[in-house]
Amino acid sequence: MKSAYDIVKAPILTEKSYDYIAHRVYTFEVAKTANKIEIAKAVEEIFGVKVQSVHTVNKLGKIKRQGRYEGRRPSTKKAYVKLTNESKGIELFDGIAQ
């Protein structure tokens, strides 16, 4: 059984994610094997909020070159988590977005 902290790896803090905070949507980097139900339960457990919906995006790693050799950066998975209207906000993001 994976813990909630194994599923939700880190918050994603970009200009685009700051715009979504006003609409109660928060962005996280999550484990590639996690599904939407596991992500919702993990966010509810860690932050004590109620999740309305989860949207996920698989991001393929960029190709990088070192001389004549080429490889890829690691692929990641992002989750956009929308909270219900009754739920309180996530304090980690609320201090930044103000």
C-alpha atoms as a PDB file:
ATOM      1  CA  MET A   1       0.000   0.000   0.000  1.00  0.00           C
ATOM      2  CA  LYS A   2       1.431   3.371  -1.020  1.00  0.00           C
ATOM      3  CA  SER A   3       1.287   6.231   1.437  1.00  0.00           C
ATOM      4  CA  ALA A   4      -0.236   9.582   0.483  1.00  0.00           C
ATOM      5  CA  TYR A   5       3.234  11.133   0.389  1.00  0.00           C
ATOM      6  CA  ASP A   6       4.392   8.526  -2.152  1.00  0.00           C
ATOM      7  CA  ILE A   7       1.520   9.515  -4.463  1.00  0.00           C
ATOM      8  CA  VAL A   8       1.744  13.323  -4.176  1.00  0.00           C
ATOM      9  CA  LYS A   9       5.402  14.182  -4.770  1.00  0.00           C
ATOM     10  CA  ALA A  10       5.517  17.997  -4.916  1.00  0.00           C
ATOM     11  CA  PRO A  11       3.439  21.084  -5.672  1.00  0.00           C
ATOM     12  CA  ILE A  12       3.981  22.734  -9.043  1.00  0.00           C
ATOM     13  CA  LEU A  13       4.440  26.492  -8.686  1.00  0.00           C
ATOM     14  CA  THR A  14       4.320  28.219 -12.073  1.00  0.00           C
ATOM     15  CA  GLU A  15       2.553  31.279 -13.477  1.00  0.00           C
ATOM     16  CA  LYS A  16      -0.138  29.056 -14.965  1.00  0.00           C
ATOM     17  CA  SER A  17      -0.733  27.265 -11.662  1.00  0.00           C
ATOM     18  CA  TYR A  18      -1.002  30.631  -9.845  1.00  0.00           C
ATOM     19  CA  ASP A  19      -3.830  31.640 -12.208  1.00  0.00           C
ATOM     20  CA  TYR A  20      -5.734  28.431 -11.367  1.00  0.00           C
ATOM     21  CA  ILE A  21      -5.612  29.026  -7.592  1.00  0.00           C
ATOM     22  CA  ALA A  22      -8.337  31.680  -7.879  1.00  0.00           C
ATOM     23  CA  HIS A  23     -10.616  28.961  -9.316  1.00  0.00           C
ATOM     24  CA  ARG A  24      -9.728  26.546  -6.463  1.00  0.00           C
ATOM     25  CA  VAL A  25      -7.581  24.343  -8.730  1.00  0.00           C
ATOM     26  CA  TYR A  26      -4.185  23.236  -7.388  1.00  0.00           C
ATOM     27  CA  THR A  27      -1.388  21.552  -9.356  1.00  0.00           C
ATOM     28  CA  PHE A  28       0.806  18.711  -8.094  1.00  0.00           C
ATOM     29  CA  GLU A  29       3.472  16.389  -9.449  1.00  0.00           C
ATOM     30  CA  VAL A  30       2.278  12.853  -8.727  1.00  0.00           C
ATOM     31  CA  ALA A  31       3.513   9.276  -9.098  1.00  0.00           C
ATOM     32  CA  LYS A  32       3.239   7.973 -12.663  1.00  0.00           C
ATOM     33  CA  THR A  33       1.356   4.862 -11.529  1.00  0.00           C
ATOM     34  CA  ALA A  34      -1.255   6.737  -9.458  1.00  0.00           C
ATOM     35  CA  ASN A  35      -4.825   6.984 -10.715  1.00  0.00           C
ATOM     36  CA  LYS A  36      -7.317   9.810 -10.126  1.00  0.00           C
ATOM     37  CA  ILE A  37      -9.026   8.142  -7.154  1.00  0.00           C
ATOM     38  CA  GLU A  38      -5.706   7.552  -5.364  1.00  0.00           C
ATOM     39  CA  ILE A  39      -4.643  11.154  -6.039  1.00  0.00           C
ATOM     40  CA  ALA A  40      -7.912  12.549  -4.649  1.00  0.00           C
ATOM     41  CA  LYS A  41      -7.667  10.446  -1.471  1.00  0.00           C
ATOM     42  CA  ALA A  42      -4.005  11.403  -0.978  1.00  0.00           C
ATOM     43  CA  VAL A  43      -4.708  15.165  -1.302  1.00  0.00           C
ATOM     44  CA  GLU A  44      -7.655  14.871   1.098  1.00  0.00           C
ATOM     45  CA  GLU A  45      -5.491  13.024   3.624  1.00  0.00           C
ATOM     46  CA  ILE A  46      -2.466  15.343   3.428  1.00  0.00           C
ATOM     47  CA  PHE A  47      -4.223  18.718   3.377  1.00  0.00           C
ATOM     48  CA  GLY A  48      -7.589  17.945   5.032  1.00  0.00           C
ATOM     49  CA  VAL A  49      -9.732  19.263   2.154  1.00  0.00           C
ATOM     50  CA  LYS A  50     -12.576  17.885   0.001  1.00  0.00           C
ATOM     51  CA  VAL A  51     -11.716  17.185  -3.658  1.00  0.00           C
ATOM     52  CA  GLN A  52     -14.344  17.728  -6.359  1.00  0.00           C
ATOM     53  CA  SER A  53     -12.408  16.481  -9.400  1.00  0.00           C
ATOM     54  CA  VAL A  54      -8.946  15.474 -10.613  1.00  0.00           C
ATOM     55  CA  HIS A  55      -7.478  15.877 -14.107  1.00  0.00           C
ATOM     56  CA  THR A  56      -4.141  14.265 -14.978  1.00  0.00           C
ATOM     57  CA  VAL A  57      -1.545  14.966 -17.673  1.00  0.00           C
ATOM     58  CA  ASN A  58       1.372  12.716 -18.660  1.00  0.00           C
ATOM     59  CA  LYS A  59       4.365  14.831 -19.697  1.00  0.00           C
ATOM     60  CA  LEU A  60       7.028  13.198 -21.844  1.00  0.00           C
ATOM     61  CA  GLY A  61      10.625  14.083 -20.948  1.00  0.00           C
ATOM     62  CA  LYS A  62      12.555  16.394 -23.271  1.00  0.00           C
ATOM     63  CA  ILE A  63      15.302  15.016 -25.498  1.00  0.00           C
ATOM     64  CA  LYS A  64      18.709  16.394 -24.455  1.00  0.00           C
ATOM     65  CA  ARG A  65      22.063  15.993 -26.191  1.00  0.00           C
ATOM     66  CA  GLN A  66      25.580  15.717 -24.824  1.00  0.00           C
ATOM     67  CA  GLY A  67      27.873  15.774 -27.842  1.00  0.00           C
ATOM     68  CA  ARG A  68      26.816  12.986 -30.159  1.00  0.00           C
ATOM     69  CA  TYR A  69      24.848  11.121 -27.480  1.00  0.00           C
ATOM     70  CA  GLU A  70      21.283  11.866 -26.747  1.00  0.00           C
ATOM     71  CA  GLY A  71      18.937  10.887 -23.963  1.00  0.00           C
ATOM     72  CA  ARG A  72      15.738  11.957 -22.291  1.00  0.00           C
ATOM     73  CA  ARG A  73      14.870  13.761 -19.119  1.00  0.00           C
ATOM     74  CA  PRO A  74      12.500  11.769 -16.914  1.00  0.00           C
ATOM     75  CA  SER A  75       8.818  11.747 -17.833  1.00  0.00           C
ATOM     76  CA  THR A  76       6.413  13.083 -15.187  1.00  0.00           C
ATOM     77  CA  LYS A  77       2.720  13.147 -14.366  1.00  0.00           C
ATOM     78  CA  LYS A  78       0.818  16.271 -13.275  1.00  0.00           C
ATOM     79  CA  ALA A  79      -2.521  16.402 -11.501  1.00  0.00           C
ATOM     80  CA  TYR A  80      -4.907  19.365 -11.486  1.00  0.00           C
ATOM     81  CA  VAL A  81      -7.007  19.012  -8.319  1.00  0.00           C
ATOM     82  CA  LYS A  82     -10.241  21.038  -8.010  1.00  0.00           C
ATOM     83  CA  LEU A  83     -11.648  21.542  -4.502  1.00  0.00           C
ATOM     84  CA  THR A  84     -15.316  21.830  -3.566  1.00  0.00           C
ATOM     85  CA  ASN A  85     -16.776  25.250  -2.704  1.00  0.00           C
ATOM     86  CA  GLU A  86     -17.327  24.261   0.963  1.00  0.00           C
ATOM     87  CA  SER A  87     -13.731  23.107   1.402  1.00  0.00           C
ATOM     88  CA  LYS A  88     -11.042  25.363   2.822  1.00  0.00           C
ATOM     89  CA  GLY A  89      -8.084  26.243   0.603  1.00  0.00           C
ATOM     90  CA  ILE A  90      -4.630  24.692   0.774  1.00  0.00           C
ATOM     91  CA  GLU A  91      -2.488  26.974   2.965  1.00  0.00           C
ATOM     92  CA  LEU A  92       0.725  26.146   1.102  1.00  0.00           C
ATOM     93  CA  PHE A  93      -0.641  27.816  -2.060  1.00  0.00           C
ATOM     94  CA  ASP A  94      -2.798  30.525  -0.451  1.00  0.00           C
ATOM     95  CA  GLY A  95       0.166  32.364   1.067  1.00  0.00           C
ATOM     96  CA  ILE A  96       1.882  32.523  -2.331  1.00  0.00           C
ATOM     97  CA  ALA A  97      -1.074  33.547  -4.503  1.00  0.00           C
ATOM     98  CA  GLN A  98      -2.102  36.595  -2.440  1.00  0.00           C
END
